[in-house]
Amino acid sequence: MPLTDAQKTSLLRIARESVTGYFTTGQPIAGAASGLPEASGAFVTIKRRGELRGCIGTLECREDLAAEIARCALQSATEDPRFPPVSAGELPELSFEVSVLGPLEEIDPAAHDSIVVGRHGVVVEMGHRRGLLLPQVATEGGWTKDQFLDQTSRKAGLAADAWRTGARVFRFEAEVFGE
């Protein structure tokens, strides 16, 4: 799955153009790039002056990677329920980060080497609830493996210890790059 520098630059350009194009034309801009690998999933994180402004993605790419990045970028800017939609005036202050996900692998979270903080992202699910945190979130938060699993459980709307008490836990790796 390793992406070349040119592919990374192209995906970041697609993310930014999707959002800026929406504000300049009123229409979503479809991403296009050739030679991109297939991916299990993709997320686009938007920050304003270093602070999270939106992050949306998918665990299952339904389109090619360029189109998924364009869609996720626009949704991050306009549909993340944690934040009001981005305004056109914010565009110069935004930075974009792309995470291209590898496949999910179900794990026993109690196993010592099941998760390497900074390398693995985590999905915790129980019933109809599911939470996902990207690998960089644990590093940015300075979390231990257990804190990472607690926070992912909470993001799923579950008790912090759900990962210890019956929730299914998956890990994944991601190629993460930004502006």
N, C-alpha and C. Protein backbone atom coordinates (compact mmCIF):
# COMPACT_ATOMS: atom_id res chain seq x y z
N MET A 1 0.80 -1.21 0.00
CA MET A 1 0.00 0.00 0.00
C MET A 1 0.84 1.27 0.00
N PRO A 2 2.16 1.22 0.15
CA PRO A 2 2.89 2.50 0.23
C PRO A 2 2.61 3.38 -0.99
N LEU A 3 2.34 4.63 -0.68
CA LEU A 3 2.08 5.62 -1.72
C LEU A 3 3.36 6.37 -2.03
N THR A 4 3.50 6.80 -3.27
CA THR A 4 4.64 7.62 -3.64
C THR A 4 4.39 9.06 -3.17
N ASP A 5 5.44 9.86 -3.14
CA ASP A 5 5.27 11.27 -2.78
C ASP A 5 4.32 11.97 -3.75
N ALA A 6 4.39 11.62 -5.02
CA ALA A 6 3.50 12.24 -6.01
C ALA A 6 2.05 11.86 -5.75
N GLN A 7 1.79 10.60 -5.37
CA GLN A 7 0.43 10.17 -5.07
C GLN A 7 -0.10 10.88 -3.82
N LYS A 8 0.75 11.03 -2.82
CA LYS A 8 0.35 11.74 -1.60
C LYS A 8 0.00 13.19 -1.92
N THR A 9 0.85 13.84 -2.70
CA THR A 9 0.59 15.23 -3.10
C THR A 9 -0.71 15.33 -3.86
N SER A 10 -0.96 14.37 -4.75
CA SER A 10 -2.19 14.37 -5.54
C SER A 10 -3.42 14.21 -4.65
N LEU A 11 -3.36 13.31 -3.67
CA LEU A 11 -4.51 13.10 -2.79
C LEU A 11 -4.77 14.32 -1.90
N LEU A 12 -3.72 14.95 -1.43
CA LEU A 12 -3.90 16.17 -0.64
C LEU A 12 -4.49 17.29 -1.49
N ARG A 13 -4.06 17.39 -2.74
CA ARG A 13 -4.61 18.39 -3.66
C ARG A 13 -6.10 18.12 -3.89
N ILE A 14 -6.44 16.85 -4.08
CA ILE A 14 -7.85 16.47 -4.29
C ILE A 14 -8.69 16.84 -3.07
N ALA A 15 -8.18 16.58 -1.87
CA ALA A 15 -8.92 16.92 -0.65
C ALA A 15 -9.18 18.42 -0.57
N ARG A 16 -8.14 19.20 -0.80
CA ARG A 16 -8.28 20.66 -0.72
C ARG A 16 -9.20 21.17 -1.84
N GLU A 17 -9.02 20.70 -3.05
CA GLU A 17 -9.83 21.17 -4.17
C GLU A 17 -11.30 20.79 -4.00
N SER A 18 -11.57 19.65 -3.39
CA SER A 18 -12.95 19.25 -3.15
C SER A 18 -13.66 20.27 -2.29
N VAL A 19 -12.98 20.73 -1.24
CA VAL A 19 -13.59 21.69 -0.32
C VAL A 19 -13.61 23.10 -0.92
N THR A 20 -12.49 23.56 -1.46
CA THR A 20 -12.47 24.92 -2.03
C THR A 20 -13.38 25.01 -3.24
N GLY A 21 -13.43 23.96 -4.04
CA GLY A 21 -14.32 23.96 -5.21
C GLY A 21 -15.78 24.05 -4.82
N TYR A 22 -16.14 23.40 -3.74
CA TYR A 22 -17.51 23.46 -3.26
C TYR A 22 -17.89 24.90 -2.89
N PHE A 23 -16.96 25.61 -2.26
CA PHE A 23 -17.27 26.98 -1.84
C PHE A 23 -17.20 27.97 -3.00
N THR A 24 -16.43 27.67 -4.03
CA THR A 24 -16.34 28.61 -5.15
C THR A 24 -17.39 28.35 -6.23
N THR A 25 -17.81 27.09 -6.39
CA THR A 25 -18.79 26.78 -7.44
C THR A 25 -20.14 26.34 -6.89
N GLY A 26 -20.17 25.98 -5.60
CA GLY A 26 -21.42 25.47 -5.03
C GLY A 26 -21.67 24.01 -5.33
N GLN A 27 -20.74 23.40 -6.05
CA GLN A 27 -20.88 22.00 -6.43
C GLN A 27 -19.70 21.20 -5.90
N PRO A 28 -19.94 19.95 -5.48
CA PRO A 28 -18.81 19.12 -5.08
C PRO A 28 -17.91 18.84 -6.29
N ILE A 29 -16.63 18.79 -6.05
CA ILE A 29 -15.66 18.51 -7.11
C ILE A 29 -15.24 17.04 -6.98
N ALA A 30 -15.39 16.30 -8.03
CA ALA A 30 -14.98 14.89 -8.00
C ALA A 30 -13.47 14.80 -8.14
N GLY A 31 -12.88 13.95 -7.32
CA GLY A 31 -11.43 13.76 -7.39
C GLY A 31 -11.07 12.84 -8.53
N ALA A 32 -9.93 13.09 -9.15
CA ALA A 32 -9.46 12.23 -10.22
C ALA A 32 -7.94 12.14 -10.16
N ALA A 33 -7.44 10.94 -10.19
CA ALA A 33 -6.00 10.69 -10.24
C ALA A 33 -5.83 9.27 -10.74
N SER A 34 -4.78 9.04 -11.46
CA SER A 34 -4.57 7.70 -12.01
C SER A 34 -3.45 7.00 -11.25
N GLY A 35 -3.47 5.68 -11.33
CA GLY A 35 -2.40 4.88 -10.75
C GLY A 35 -2.42 4.74 -9.24
N LEU A 36 -3.53 5.07 -8.61
CA LEU A 36 -3.60 4.95 -7.15
C LEU A 36 -3.93 3.52 -6.77
N PRO A 37 -3.37 3.04 -5.65
CA PRO A 37 -3.68 1.68 -5.22
C PRO A 37 -5.09 1.60 -4.63
N GLU A 38 -5.57 0.38 -4.48
CA GLU A 38 -6.83 0.19 -3.78
C GLU A 38 -6.55 0.34 -2.29
N ALA A 39 -7.57 0.76 -1.56
CA ALA A 39 -7.43 0.91 -0.12
C ALA A 39 -8.65 0.33 0.56
N SER A 40 -8.48 -0.13 1.79
CA SER A 40 -9.62 -0.64 2.55
C SER A 40 -10.52 0.51 2.97
N GLY A 41 -9.93 1.62 3.33
CA GLY A 41 -10.69 2.77 3.78
C GLY A 41 -9.86 4.02 3.69
N ALA A 42 -10.50 5.14 3.95
CA ALA A 42 -9.79 6.42 3.89
C ALA A 42 -10.50 7.43 4.78
N PHE A 43 -9.71 8.32 5.39
CA PHE A 43 -10.24 9.40 6.22
C PHE A 43 -9.55 10.69 5.81
N VAL A 44 -10.29 11.79 5.92
CA VAL A 44 -9.70 13.11 5.73
C VAL A 44 -9.95 13.90 7.01
N THR A 45 -8.86 14.42 7.56
CA THR A 45 -8.91 15.24 8.77
C THR A 45 -8.61 16.68 8.37
N ILE A 46 -9.44 17.59 8.85
CA ILE A 46 -9.24 19.02 8.58
C ILE A 46 -8.95 19.71 9.90
N LYS A 47 -7.92 20.51 9.91
CA LYS A 47 -7.57 21.29 11.10
C LYS A 47 -7.53 22.76 10.72
N ARG A 48 -7.86 23.58 11.71
CA ARG A 48 -7.77 25.03 11.55
C ARG A 48 -6.83 25.53 12.63
N ARG A 49 -5.72 26.09 12.20
CA ARG A 49 -4.68 26.55 13.13
C ARG A 49 -4.29 25.44 14.11
N GLY A 50 -4.20 24.22 13.61
CA GLY A 50 -3.76 23.09 14.41
C GLY A 50 -4.83 22.40 15.22
N GLU A 51 -6.04 22.96 15.24
CA GLU A 51 -7.14 22.38 16.02
C GLU A 51 -8.09 21.62 15.09
N LEU A 52 -8.56 20.47 15.55
CA LEU A 52 -9.47 19.65 14.76
C LEU A 52 -10.70 20.46 14.35
N ARG A 53 -11.03 20.37 13.06
CA ARG A 53 -12.19 21.09 12.52
C ARG A 53 -13.18 20.14 11.88
N GLY A 54 -12.71 18.92 11.59
CA GLY A 54 -13.58 17.91 11.00
C GLY A 54 -12.78 16.68 10.63
N CYS A 55 -13.41 15.53 10.72
CA CYS A 55 -12.76 14.28 10.31
C CYS A 55 -13.84 13.27 9.99
N ILE A 56 -13.86 12.84 8.76
CA ILE A 56 -14.83 11.84 8.32
C ILE A 56 -14.14 10.92 7.33
N GLY A 57 -14.56 9.68 7.36
CA GLY A 57 -13.99 8.71 6.45
C GLY A 57 -14.85 7.48 6.34
N THR A 58 -14.25 6.45 5.78
CA THR A 58 -14.97 5.20 5.57
C THR A 58 -14.02 4.03 5.81
N LEU A 59 -14.58 2.95 6.30
CA LEU A 59 -13.81 1.71 6.46
C LEU A 59 -13.85 0.87 5.19
N GLU A 60 -14.74 1.21 4.28
CA GLU A 60 -14.86 0.47 3.03
C GLU A 60 -14.98 1.43 1.86
N CYS A 61 -13.93 1.53 1.08
CA CYS A 61 -13.99 2.39 -0.10
C CYS A 61 -14.99 1.83 -1.09
N ARG A 62 -15.96 2.64 -1.46
CA ARG A 62 -16.97 2.23 -2.44
C ARG A 62 -16.61 2.70 -3.83
N GLU A 63 -15.71 3.66 -3.91
CA GLU A 63 -15.26 4.20 -5.18
C GLU A 63 -13.75 4.09 -5.22
N ASP A 64 -13.13 4.62 -6.27
CA ASP A 64 -11.68 4.64 -6.29
C ASP A 64 -11.17 5.61 -5.23
N LEU A 65 -9.91 5.49 -4.88
CA LEU A 65 -9.35 6.24 -3.76
C LEU A 65 -9.48 7.75 -3.95
N ALA A 66 -9.25 8.25 -5.13
CA ALA A 66 -9.35 9.69 -5.38
C ALA A 66 -10.77 10.19 -5.11
N ALA A 67 -11.76 9.46 -5.58
CA ALA A 67 -13.16 9.86 -5.37
C ALA A 67 -13.52 9.78 -3.89
N GLU A 68 -13.03 8.78 -3.20
CA GLU A 68 -13.30 8.65 -1.76
C GLU A 68 -12.69 9.82 -0.99
N ILE A 69 -11.47 10.21 -1.35
CA ILE A 69 -10.82 11.33 -0.68
C ILE A 69 -11.60 12.62 -0.92
N ALA A 70 -12.06 12.83 -2.13
CA ALA A 70 -12.85 14.03 -2.44
C ALA A 70 -14.13 14.05 -1.62
N ARG A 71 -14.82 12.92 -1.56
CA ARG A 71 -16.08 12.83 -0.81
C ARG A 71 -15.84 13.03 0.69
N CYS A 72 -14.84 12.34 1.23
CA CYS A 72 -14.55 12.45 2.67
C CYS A 72 -14.12 13.86 3.05
N ALA A 73 -13.36 14.52 2.20
CA ALA A 73 -12.92 15.89 2.49
C ALA A 73 -14.12 16.82 2.59
N LEU A 74 -15.02 16.74 1.62
CA LEU A 74 -16.20 17.61 1.64
C LEU A 74 -17.07 17.30 2.85
N GLN A 75 -17.26 16.02 3.16
CA GLN A 75 -18.06 15.67 4.34
C GLN A 75 -17.39 16.13 5.63
N SER A 76 -16.07 16.05 5.70
CA SER A 76 -15.35 16.53 6.88
C SER A 76 -15.59 18.02 7.09
N ALA A 77 -15.65 18.75 6.00
CA ALA A 77 -15.84 20.20 6.07
C ALA A 77 -17.29 20.59 6.35
N THR A 78 -18.23 19.76 5.93
CA THR A 78 -19.63 20.20 5.99
C THR A 78 -20.55 19.32 6.83
N GLU A 79 -20.13 18.10 7.19
CA GLU A 79 -21.07 17.18 7.83
C GLU A 79 -20.60 16.56 9.14
N ASP A 80 -19.40 16.89 9.62
CA ASP A 80 -18.96 16.31 10.90
C ASP A 80 -19.90 16.84 11.98
N PRO A 81 -20.66 15.96 12.65
CA PRO A 81 -21.66 16.44 13.61
C PRO A 81 -21.07 17.12 14.85
N ARG A 82 -19.78 17.00 15.05
CA ARG A 82 -19.14 17.62 16.22
C ARG A 82 -18.87 19.10 16.03
N PHE A 83 -18.97 19.58 14.78
CA PHE A 83 -18.58 20.96 14.47
C PHE A 83 -19.59 21.59 13.53
N PRO A 84 -19.72 22.93 13.58
CA PRO A 84 -20.51 23.59 12.53
C PRO A 84 -19.76 23.46 11.20
N PRO A 85 -20.48 23.55 10.09
CA PRO A 85 -19.79 23.47 8.81
C PRO A 85 -18.71 24.54 8.65
N VAL A 86 -17.67 24.19 7.94
CA VAL A 86 -16.60 25.13 7.62
C VAL A 86 -17.19 26.25 6.78
N SER A 87 -16.70 27.46 6.97
CA SER A 87 -17.14 28.59 6.15
C SER A 87 -16.06 28.92 5.12
N ALA A 88 -16.45 29.58 4.07
CA ALA A 88 -15.50 29.96 3.02
C ALA A 88 -14.37 30.81 3.58
N GLY A 89 -14.67 31.65 4.57
CA GLY A 89 -13.65 32.51 5.15
C GLY A 89 -12.56 31.75 5.89
N GLU A 90 -12.83 30.52 6.29
CA GLU A 90 -11.84 29.70 7.01
C GLU A 90 -10.84 29.03 6.07
N LEU A 91 -11.15 28.94 4.80
CA LEU A 91 -10.35 28.15 3.86
C LEU A 91 -8.84 28.42 3.93
N PRO A 92 -8.39 29.68 4.01
CA PRO A 92 -6.94 29.91 4.04
C PRO A 92 -6.26 29.36 5.31
N GLU A 93 -7.03 29.13 6.36
CA GLU A 93 -6.47 28.67 7.62
C GLU A 93 -6.54 27.15 7.81
N LEU A 94 -7.10 26.46 6.83
CA LEU A 94 -7.29 25.02 6.97
C LEU A 94 -6.08 24.24 6.47
N SER A 95 -5.81 23.13 7.14
CA SER A 95 -4.82 22.18 6.66
C SER A 95 -5.49 20.81 6.58
N PHE A 96 -5.03 20.01 5.64
CA PHE A 96 -5.65 18.73 5.36
C PHE A 96 -4.67 17.60 5.64
N GLU A 97 -5.22 16.51 6.20
CA GLU A 97 -4.45 15.31 6.45
C GLU A 97 -5.25 14.13 5.91
N VAL A 98 -4.59 13.22 5.24
CA VAL A 98 -5.22 12.05 4.65
C VAL A 98 -4.69 10.81 5.33
N SER A 99 -5.59 9.89 5.65
CA SER A 99 -5.22 8.58 6.19
C SER A 99 -5.78 7.52 5.25
N VAL A 100 -4.89 6.73 4.67
CA VAL A 100 -5.30 5.64 3.79
C VAL A 100 -5.15 4.35 4.60
N LEU A 101 -6.27 3.67 4.82
CA LEU A 101 -6.31 2.53 5.72
C LEU A 101 -6.04 1.21 5.02
N GLY A 102 -5.32 0.37 5.75
CA GLY A 102 -5.16 -1.02 5.35
C GLY A 102 -6.33 -1.83 5.89
N PRO A 103 -6.30 -3.14 5.69
CA PRO A 103 -7.43 -3.97 6.12
C PRO A 103 -7.55 -4.06 7.65
N LEU A 104 -8.79 -4.29 8.11
CA LEU A 104 -9.06 -4.51 9.52
C LEU A 104 -8.66 -5.93 9.89
N GLU A 105 -8.14 -6.08 11.11
CA GLU A 105 -7.76 -7.38 11.64
C GLU A 105 -8.32 -7.50 13.04
N GLU A 106 -9.19 -8.48 13.27
CA GLU A 106 -9.74 -8.66 14.61
C GLU A 106 -8.64 -9.17 15.54
N ILE A 107 -8.61 -8.62 16.75
CA ILE A 107 -7.54 -8.95 17.70
C ILE A 107 -8.11 -9.23 19.08
N ASP A 108 -7.27 -9.82 19.92
CA ASP A 108 -7.53 -9.93 21.35
C ASP A 108 -6.82 -8.74 21.97
N PRO A 109 -7.56 -7.72 22.41
CA PRO A 109 -6.91 -6.50 22.89
C PRO A 109 -6.10 -6.71 24.17
N ALA A 110 -6.35 -7.81 24.88
CA ALA A 110 -5.60 -8.08 26.11
C ALA A 110 -4.19 -8.62 25.80
N ALA A 111 -3.98 -9.10 24.60
CA ALA A 111 -2.66 -9.62 24.23
C ALA A 111 -1.64 -8.47 24.25
N HIS A 112 -0.48 -8.74 24.79
CA HIS A 112 0.54 -7.71 25.00
C HIS A 112 0.87 -6.93 23.73
N ASP A 113 1.05 -7.63 22.63
CA ASP A 113 1.50 -6.98 21.39
C ASP A 113 0.38 -6.74 20.39
N SER A 114 -0.87 -6.72 20.87
CA SER A 114 -2.00 -6.60 19.94
C SER A 114 -2.10 -5.23 19.29
N ILE A 115 -1.66 -4.19 19.99
CA ILE A 115 -1.73 -2.83 19.46
C ILE A 115 -0.43 -2.11 19.77
N VAL A 116 0.15 -1.52 18.76
CA VAL A 116 1.32 -0.67 18.94
C VAL A 116 0.85 0.77 18.77
N VAL A 117 0.93 1.54 19.85
CA VAL A 117 0.48 2.93 19.83
C VAL A 117 1.30 3.70 18.79
N GLY A 118 0.60 4.44 17.93
CA GLY A 118 1.25 5.20 16.88
C GLY A 118 1.33 4.44 15.56
N ARG A 119 1.21 3.12 15.62
CA ARG A 119 1.26 2.31 14.41
C ARG A 119 -0.13 1.81 14.01
N HIS A 120 -0.92 1.44 15.00
CA HIS A 120 -2.24 0.88 14.73
C HIS A 120 -3.36 1.86 15.07
N GLY A 121 -4.39 1.84 14.25
CA GLY A 121 -5.66 2.45 14.58
C GLY A 121 -6.54 1.37 15.17
N VAL A 122 -7.64 1.77 15.79
CA VAL A 122 -8.48 0.81 16.50
C VAL A 122 -9.95 1.05 16.16
N VAL A 123 -10.69 -0.05 16.04
CA VAL A 123 -12.14 -0.04 15.92
C VAL A 123 -12.67 -0.90 17.05
N VAL A 124 -13.63 -0.37 17.80
CA VAL A 124 -14.32 -1.12 18.85
C VAL A 124 -15.79 -1.15 18.46
N GLU A 125 -16.39 -2.35 18.46
CA GLU A 125 -17.80 -2.44 18.11
C GLU A 125 -18.53 -3.43 19.00
N MET A 126 -19.76 -3.07 19.31
CA MET A 126 -20.65 -3.93 20.09
C MET A 126 -22.06 -3.61 19.65
N GLY A 127 -22.76 -4.63 19.21
CA GLY A 127 -24.11 -4.40 18.70
C GLY A 127 -24.06 -3.47 17.51
N HIS A 128 -24.86 -2.43 17.53
CA HIS A 128 -24.91 -1.47 16.43
C HIS A 128 -23.98 -0.28 16.64
N ARG A 129 -23.19 -0.32 17.67
CA ARG A 129 -22.29 0.80 17.98
C ARG A 129 -20.87 0.46 17.53
N ARG A 130 -20.25 1.48 16.93
CA ARG A 130 -18.87 1.29 16.49
C ARG A 130 -18.12 2.61 16.61
N GLY A 131 -16.92 2.54 17.13
CA GLY A 131 -16.06 3.71 17.22
C GLY A 131 -14.72 3.41 16.59
N LEU A 132 -14.13 4.41 15.98
CA LEU A 132 -12.84 4.27 15.32
C LEU A 132 -11.97 5.46 15.70
N LEU A 133 -10.72 5.17 16.00
CA LEU A 133 -9.73 6.23 16.16
C LEU A 133 -8.52 5.88 15.31
N LEU A 134 -8.03 6.88 14.60
CA LEU A 134 -6.87 6.71 13.73
C LEU A 134 -5.59 6.58 14.56
N PRO A 135 -4.54 5.97 14.00
CA PRO A 135 -3.30 5.75 14.76
C PRO A 135 -2.71 7.02 15.37
N GLN A 136 -2.78 8.13 14.65
CA GLN A 136 -2.15 9.36 15.12
C GLN A 136 -2.86 9.96 16.34
N VAL A 137 -4.11 9.58 16.57
CA VAL A 137 -4.87 10.15 17.69
C VAL A 137 -4.24 9.76 19.03
N ALA A 138 -3.82 8.51 19.15
CA ALA A 138 -3.20 8.06 20.41
C ALA A 138 -1.88 8.77 20.64
N THR A 139 -1.11 8.95 19.58
CA THR A 139 0.17 9.63 19.70
C THR A 139 -0.04 11.09 20.09
N GLU A 140 -0.97 11.76 19.40
CA GLU A 140 -1.24 13.17 19.69
C GLU A 140 -1.75 13.35 21.11
N GLY A 141 -2.51 12.37 21.63
CA GLY A 141 -3.04 12.45 22.98
C GLY A 141 -2.08 11.98 24.06
N GLY A 142 -0.96 11.37 23.63
CA GLY A 142 -0.01 10.82 24.60
C GLY A 142 -0.59 9.65 25.38
N TRP A 143 -1.46 8.88 24.74
CA TRP A 143 -2.18 7.80 25.41
C TRP A 143 -1.40 6.50 25.43
N THR A 144 -1.68 5.71 26.44
CA THR A 144 -1.22 4.32 26.49
C THR A 144 -2.17 3.49 25.64
N LYS A 145 -1.82 2.23 25.45
CA LYS A 145 -2.69 1.32 24.71
C LYS A 145 -4.06 1.24 25.38
N ASP A 146 -4.11 1.08 26.70
CA ASP A 146 -5.39 0.98 27.40
C ASP A 146 -6.21 2.26 27.28
N GLN A 147 -5.57 3.41 27.38
CA GLN A 147 -6.28 4.68 27.21
C GLN A 147 -6.84 4.81 25.80
N PHE A 148 -6.08 4.35 24.83
CA PHE A 148 -6.52 4.38 23.43
C PHE A 148 -7.78 3.53 23.26
N LEU A 149 -7.77 2.33 23.84
CA LEU A 149 -8.93 1.45 23.75
C LEU A 149 -10.12 2.02 24.52
N ASP A 150 -9.86 2.63 25.69
CA ASP A 150 -10.93 3.28 26.46
C ASP A 150 -11.59 4.38 25.63
N GLN A 151 -10.78 5.23 25.02
CA GLN A 151 -11.30 6.36 24.25
C GLN A 151 -12.06 5.89 23.00
N THR A 152 -11.58 4.82 22.38
CA THR A 152 -12.27 4.29 21.21
C THR A 152 -13.62 3.72 21.62
N SER A 153 -13.66 3.05 22.78
CA SER A 153 -14.93 2.53 23.29
C SER A 153 -15.90 3.67 23.55
N ARG A 154 -15.42 4.74 24.16
CA ARG A 154 -16.28 5.91 24.43
C ARG A 154 -16.78 6.52 23.13
N LYS A 155 -15.91 6.58 22.13
CA LYS A 155 -16.33 7.15 20.85
C LYS A 155 -17.47 6.34 20.24
N ALA A 156 -17.48 5.04 20.53
CA ALA A 156 -18.56 4.17 20.05
C ALA A 156 -19.84 4.35 20.85
N GLY A 157 -19.78 5.17 21.92
CA GLY A 157 -20.94 5.36 22.77
C GLY A 157 -21.09 4.24 23.79
N LEU A 158 -20.00 3.55 24.06
CA LEU A 158 -19.98 2.44 25.00
C LEU A 158 -19.24 2.85 26.27
N ALA A 159 -19.33 2.01 27.28
CA ALA A 159 -18.54 2.23 28.49
C ALA A 159 -17.06 2.13 28.12
N ALA A 160 -16.23 2.87 28.83
CA ALA A 160 -14.79 2.88 28.53
C ALA A 160 -14.18 1.49 28.54
N ASP A 161 -14.68 0.61 29.37
CA ASP A 161 -14.09 -0.72 29.46
C ASP A 161 -14.77 -1.75 28.56
N ALA A 162 -15.58 -1.32 27.62
CA ALA A 162 -16.28 -2.25 26.74
C ALA A 162 -15.32 -3.17 25.99
N TRP A 163 -14.14 -2.68 25.69
CA TRP A 163 -13.15 -3.51 24.98
C TRP A 163 -12.68 -4.67 25.86
N ARG A 164 -12.88 -4.57 27.17
CA ARG A 164 -12.52 -5.66 28.09
C ARG A 164 -13.69 -6.59 28.36
N THR A 165 -14.91 -6.13 28.03
CA THR A 165 -16.11 -6.85 28.47
C THR A 165 -17.01 -7.28 27.32
N GLY A 166 -16.43 -7.72 26.24
CA GLY A 166 -17.24 -8.33 25.18
C GLY A 166 -17.30 -7.62 23.85
N ALA A 167 -16.83 -6.40 23.75
CA ALA A 167 -16.83 -5.73 22.45
C ALA A 167 -15.80 -6.38 21.53
N ARG A 168 -16.07 -6.35 20.27
CA ARG A 168 -15.09 -6.82 19.28
C ARG A 168 -14.11 -5.68 19.02
N VAL A 169 -12.84 -6.03 18.88
CA VAL A 169 -11.80 -5.03 18.67
C VAL A 169 -11.00 -5.41 17.42
N PHE A 170 -10.78 -4.41 16.59
CA PHE A 170 -10.02 -4.58 15.36
C PHE A 170 -8.89 -3.56 15.35
N ARG A 171 -7.81 -3.91 14.69
CA ARG A 171 -6.74 -2.95 14.48
C ARG A 171 -6.52 -2.82 12.97
N PHE A 172 -5.88 -1.72 12.61
CA PHE A 172 -5.52 -1.50 11.21
C PHE A 172 -4.31 -0.59 11.20
N GLU A 173 -3.62 -0.62 10.09
CA GLU A 173 -2.53 0.33 9.88
C GLU A 173 -3.00 1.34 8.85
N ALA A 174 -2.39 2.50 8.88
CA ALA A 174 -2.77 3.56 7.94
C ALA A 174 -1.54 4.31 7.50
N GLU A 175 -1.56 4.72 6.28
CA GLU A 175 -0.54 5.64 5.78
C GLU A 175 -1.11 7.04 5.96
N VAL A 176 -0.47 7.84 6.80
CA VAL A 176 -0.98 9.15 7.19
C VAL A 176 -0.03 10.22 6.70
N PHE A 177 -0.57 11.24 6.02
CA PHE A 177 0.25 12.32 5.51
C PHE A 177 -0.59 13.58 5.41
N GLY A 178 0.07 14.72 5.53
CA GLY A 178 -0.67 15.96 5.50
C GLY A 178 0.12 17.10 4.90
N GLU A 179 -0.55 18.23 4.84
CA GLU A 179 0.07 19.43 4.29
C GLU A 179 1.06 20.01 5.29
